[in-house]
Amino acid sequence: MNRAILFLTTVLLALVNTTYGQVDSIFVSSACGESVSVGYYINNGLVNGKPQFKKGVIDCMEYTNEPDCGQSSLTPSYFVEWNGTSWIWIKRPHDCYWLFDNCVPLSQGDPDPTTPIVLASSNLDTPFPPCTGWISLANNCLPTIGLGCSCRITDKAINSSVNICDSANVLLSRSKAH
């Protein structure tokens, strides 16, 4: 039993790289019928000074054949990112079409012709997306974010650090706040 717990802890900590306050991925689950949105979101770099996480294809050019390109509107991309004042969970539909040998956006001159849908937001100013405390903005979507989310811990010594938790608010690791 102890080996299983040690192995699981090692796997969880491997998914959350906090050497320099970096989180490689988060896990998002939701309660709004957006089943394709559930799963691992990969760190996609910084947006407004904080990490952005993505799930799904984000560029029509990433579709390499006509059938996938034609189905692009059925497989939207999802993002969790900081907009400068709050964390937002976004659904971005794809409207692509096949032109000669490439999948291109519906409006060739606009790299993102679709309007993103903000599903939920959180005004907690944390280094990483908060585990809980989100407000639904569309379709009653309330995400629960685990593995790499920021959590609230009441210990003042811990609060001076960057806290990385799972979705049950269990502290996985911490590093000094910068």
Foldseek 3Di string as FASTA:
>chain_A
DVVVVVVVLVVLVVQQDCPPDDHQWKFKDKDQPPVLQGGIWGFPDADLRATKTKDDDDFQQVDQDQVCLCCQQVRWMWMWHDPNQKTWIKTAGFAWHDDDRGIAGPDNVDRRPTDIDTQWIARDPARFAAQADIDGDPRPIGMGMARFHFADDPPPVQVQWGFGGGSVRHTSDTGGDD
